[in-house]
Amino acid sequence: MSRLRLLDNNPMVIENNYFSIQYSFLLEENLNDHSLFQILKEKRGIQISKSKRTIEICRATMQEASYLQVSKNSPLLLVHGVVYGNNDKIVYVGNQIINGEKYKLHV
């Protein structure tokens, strides 16, 4: 599942998440106006319990630059993640490509 996430109507994140076939029902859901985690909880009783993330710097490809409205080769944040639900089962793996000029990480 690929999404372009917006902040104040400006492109902020390219998100690519990979689910097993049991989550194909998500393709029918409106993820623009609703929380993915809330839908998983309401429709399947899946509570997200934790995630593991790796953060690194990458450079914008031509396509990423177009989506995020930045120059090609602009520095971006690349976040690889694994998200776990009930009984520590993997719900999905994915990555986010984030416009670092507009992003703050709070630890």
C-alpha atoms as a PDB file:
ATOM      1  CA  MET A   1       0.000   0.000   0.000  1.00  0.00           C
ATOM      2  CA  SER A   2       1.496   3.314  -1.068  1.00  0.00           C
ATOM      3  CA  ARG A   3       0.340   6.676   0.169  1.00  0.00           C
ATOM      4  CA  LEU A   4       1.454  10.271  -0.188  1.00  0.00           C
ATOM      5  CA  ARG A   5       0.918  11.849   3.218  1.00  0.00           C
ATOM      6  CA  LEU A   6       0.190  15.581   3.444  1.00  0.00           C
ATOM      7  CA  LEU A   7       0.745  18.189   6.116  1.00  0.00           C
ATOM      8  CA  ASP A   8      -1.332  21.357   5.685  1.00  0.00           C
ATOM      9  CA  ASN A   9      -2.053  20.217   2.106  1.00  0.00           C
ATOM     10  CA  ASN A  10       1.680  19.982   1.346  1.00  0.00           C
ATOM     11  CA  PRO A  11       3.347  16.658   0.465  1.00  0.00           C
ATOM     12  CA  MET A  12       5.397  15.442   3.424  1.00  0.00           C
ATOM     13  CA  VAL A  13       5.872  11.654   3.314  1.00  0.00           C
ATOM     14  CA  ILE A  14       5.857   8.890   0.743  1.00  0.00           C
ATOM     15  CA  GLU A  15       4.770   5.793   2.617  1.00  0.00           C
ATOM     16  CA  ASN A  16       5.089   2.239   1.277  1.00  0.00           C
ATOM     17  CA  ASN A  17       3.717  -0.506   3.533  1.00  0.00           C
ATOM     18  CA  TYR A  18       3.648  -4.210   2.776  1.00  0.00           C
ATOM     19  CA  PHE A  19       0.915  -6.389   4.292  1.00  0.00           C
ATOM     20  CA  SER A  20       0.093 -10.069   3.945  1.00  0.00           C
ATOM     21  CA  ILE A  21      -3.015 -10.995   1.947  1.00  0.00           C
ATOM     22  CA  GLN A  22      -5.122 -11.241   5.118  1.00  0.00           C
ATOM     23  CA  TYR A  23      -5.073  -7.450   5.238  1.00  0.00           C
ATOM     24  CA  SER A  24      -6.382  -6.972   1.681  1.00  0.00           C
ATOM     25  CA  PHE A  25      -9.586  -5.507   3.159  1.00  0.00           C
ATOM     26  CA  LEU A  26      -7.544  -2.323   3.762  1.00  0.00           C
ATOM     27  CA  LEU A  27      -7.613  -1.630   0.023  1.00  0.00           C
ATOM     28  CA  GLU A  28     -11.332  -0.847   0.392  1.00  0.00           C
ATOM     29  CA  GLU A  29     -10.859   1.532   3.339  1.00  0.00           C
ATOM     30  CA  ASN A  30     -10.624   5.317   3.231  1.00  0.00           C
ATOM     31  CA  LEU A  31      -7.160   5.880   4.668  1.00  0.00           C
ATOM     32  CA  ASN A  32      -7.140   9.558   3.780  1.00  0.00           C
ATOM     33  CA  ASP A  33      -9.533  10.490   6.553  1.00  0.00           C
ATOM     34  CA  HIS A  34      -9.113   7.598   8.995  1.00  0.00           C
ATOM     35  CA  SER A  35      -6.286   6.160  11.059  1.00  0.00           C
ATOM     36  CA  LEU A  36      -4.829   2.891   9.772  1.00  0.00           C
ATOM     37  CA  PHE A  37      -4.295   1.719  13.351  1.00  0.00           C
ATOM     38  CA  GLN A  38      -7.893   2.564  14.278  1.00  0.00           C
ATOM     39  CA  ILE A  39      -9.243   0.645  11.278  1.00  0.00           C
ATOM     40  CA  LEU A  40      -7.139  -2.402  12.191  1.00  0.00           C
ATOM     41  CA  LYS A  41      -8.469  -2.259  15.747  1.00  0.00           C
ATOM     42  CA  GLU A  42     -12.124  -1.764  14.795  1.00  0.00           C
ATOM     43  CA  LYS A  43     -12.305  -4.198  11.850  1.00  0.00           C
ATOM     44  CA  ARG A  44     -10.006  -7.009  13.038  1.00  0.00           C
ATOM     45  CA  GLY A  45      -9.318  -6.411  16.737  1.00  0.00           C
ATOM     46  CA  ILE A  46      -5.626  -5.834  16.034  1.00  0.00           C
ATOM     47  CA  GLN A  47      -3.935  -3.566  18.551  1.00  0.00           C
ATOM     48  CA  ILE A  48      -0.523  -2.251  17.465  1.00  0.00           C
ATOM     49  CA  SER A  49       1.866  -3.100  20.281  1.00  0.00           C
ATOM     50  CA  LYS A  50       5.274  -1.898  19.075  1.00  0.00           C
ATOM     51  CA  SER A  51       7.432  -1.055  16.123  1.00  0.00           C
ATOM     52  CA  LYS A  52      11.112  -1.134  15.307  1.00  0.00           C
ATOM     53  CA  ARG A  53      12.502   1.593  13.096  1.00  0.00           C
ATOM     54  CA  THR A  54      15.787   2.380  11.390  1.00  0.00           C
ATOM     55  CA  ILE A  55      16.374   5.958  10.251  1.00  0.00           C
ATOM     56  CA  GLU A  56      18.901   7.041   7.654  1.00  0.00           C
ATOM     57  CA  ILE A  57      19.503   9.777   5.107  1.00  0.00           C
ATOM     58  CA  CYS A  58      18.851   9.231   1.400  1.00  0.00           C
ATOM     59  CA  ARG A  59      18.730  11.412  -1.696  1.00  0.00           C
ATOM     60  CA  ALA A  60      15.534  12.115  -3.624  1.00  0.00           C
ATOM     61  CA  THR A  61      15.085  10.238  -6.865  1.00  0.00           C
ATOM     62  CA  MET A  62      13.381  12.074  -9.703  1.00  0.00           C
ATOM     63  CA  GLN A  63      10.021  10.476  -8.833  1.00  0.00           C
ATOM     64  CA  GLU A  64      10.355  11.130  -5.084  1.00  0.00           C
ATOM     65  CA  ALA A  65      11.367  14.718  -5.764  1.00  0.00           C
ATOM     66  CA  SER A  66       8.281  15.168  -7.913  1.00  0.00           C
ATOM     67  CA  TYR A  67       5.947  13.750  -5.262  1.00  0.00           C
ATOM     68  CA  LEU A  68       7.512  15.729  -2.392  1.00  0.00           C
ATOM     69  CA  GLN A  69       8.028  18.924  -4.427  1.00  0.00           C
ATOM     70  CA  VAL A  70      11.769  19.089  -3.747  1.00  0.00           C
ATOM     71  CA  SER A  71      14.807  19.047  -6.030  1.00  0.00           C
ATOM     72  CA  LYS A  72      16.285  15.787  -7.253  1.00  0.00           C
ATOM     73  CA  ASN A  73      19.054  14.625  -4.875  1.00  0.00           C
ATOM     74  CA  SER A  74      17.632  16.672  -1.985  1.00  0.00           C
ATOM     75  CA  PRO A  75      18.371  14.992   1.358  1.00  0.00           C
ATOM     76  CA  LEU A  76      15.422  13.020   2.726  1.00  0.00           C
ATOM     77  CA  LEU A  77      14.867  10.850   5.761  1.00  0.00           C
ATOM     78  CA  LEU A  78      14.357   7.164   5.020  1.00  0.00           C
ATOM     79  CA  VAL A  79      12.630   5.226   7.798  1.00  0.00           C
ATOM     80  CA  HIS A  80      12.453   1.434   7.562  1.00  0.00           C
ATOM     81  CA  GLY A  81       9.981  -0.144   9.973  1.00  0.00           C
ATOM     82  CA  VAL A  82       8.439  -3.350  11.204  1.00  0.00           C
ATOM     83  CA  VAL A  83       5.098  -2.961  13.023  1.00  0.00           C
ATOM     84  CA  TYR A  84       3.813  -5.587  15.450  1.00  0.00           C
ATOM     85  CA  GLY A  85       0.340  -6.295  16.772  1.00  0.00           C
ATOM     86  CA  ASN A  86      -1.328  -8.817  19.050  1.00  0.00           C
ATOM     87  CA  ASN A  87       1.025 -11.518  20.359  1.00  0.00           C
ATOM     88  CA  ASP A  88       3.981  -9.706  18.739  1.00  0.00           C
ATOM     89  CA  LYS A  89       2.930 -10.854  15.264  1.00  0.00           C
ATOM     90  CA  ILE A  90       4.144  -8.721  12.379  1.00  0.00           C
ATOM     91  CA  VAL A  91       1.302  -6.638  10.953  1.00  0.00           C
ATOM     92  CA  TYR A  92       3.339  -4.967   8.210  1.00  0.00           C
ATOM     93  CA  VAL A  93       6.774  -3.847   7.116  1.00  0.00           C
ATOM     94  CA  GLY A  94       7.367  -0.637   5.294  1.00  0.00           C
ATOM     95  CA  ASN A  95       9.312   2.497   4.663  1.00  0.00           C
ATOM     96  CA  GLN A  96       8.679   6.191   4.750  1.00  0.00           C
ATOM     97  CA  ILE A  97      10.520   8.766   2.686  1.00  0.00           C
ATOM     98  CA  ILE A  98      10.198  12.047   4.533  1.00  0.00           C
ATOM     99  CA  ASN A  99      10.878  15.624   3.496  1.00  0.00           C
ATOM    100  CA  GLY A 100      13.499  16.396   6.153  1.00  0.00           C
ATOM    101  CA  GLU A 101      13.185  20.157   5.699  1.00  0.00           C
ATOM    102  CA  LYS A 102       9.777  20.074   7.358  1.00  0.00           C
ATOM    103  CA  TYR A 103      10.235  17.222   9.836  1.00  0.00           C
ATOM    104  CA  LYS A 104      11.071  17.191  13.520  1.00  0.00           C
ATOM    105  CA  LEU A 105      11.913  14.010  15.392  1.00  0.00           C
ATOM    106  CA  HIS A 106      11.041  13.988  19.096  1.00  0.00           C
ATOM    107  CA  VAL A 107      12.702  11.197  21.059  1.00  0.00           C
END
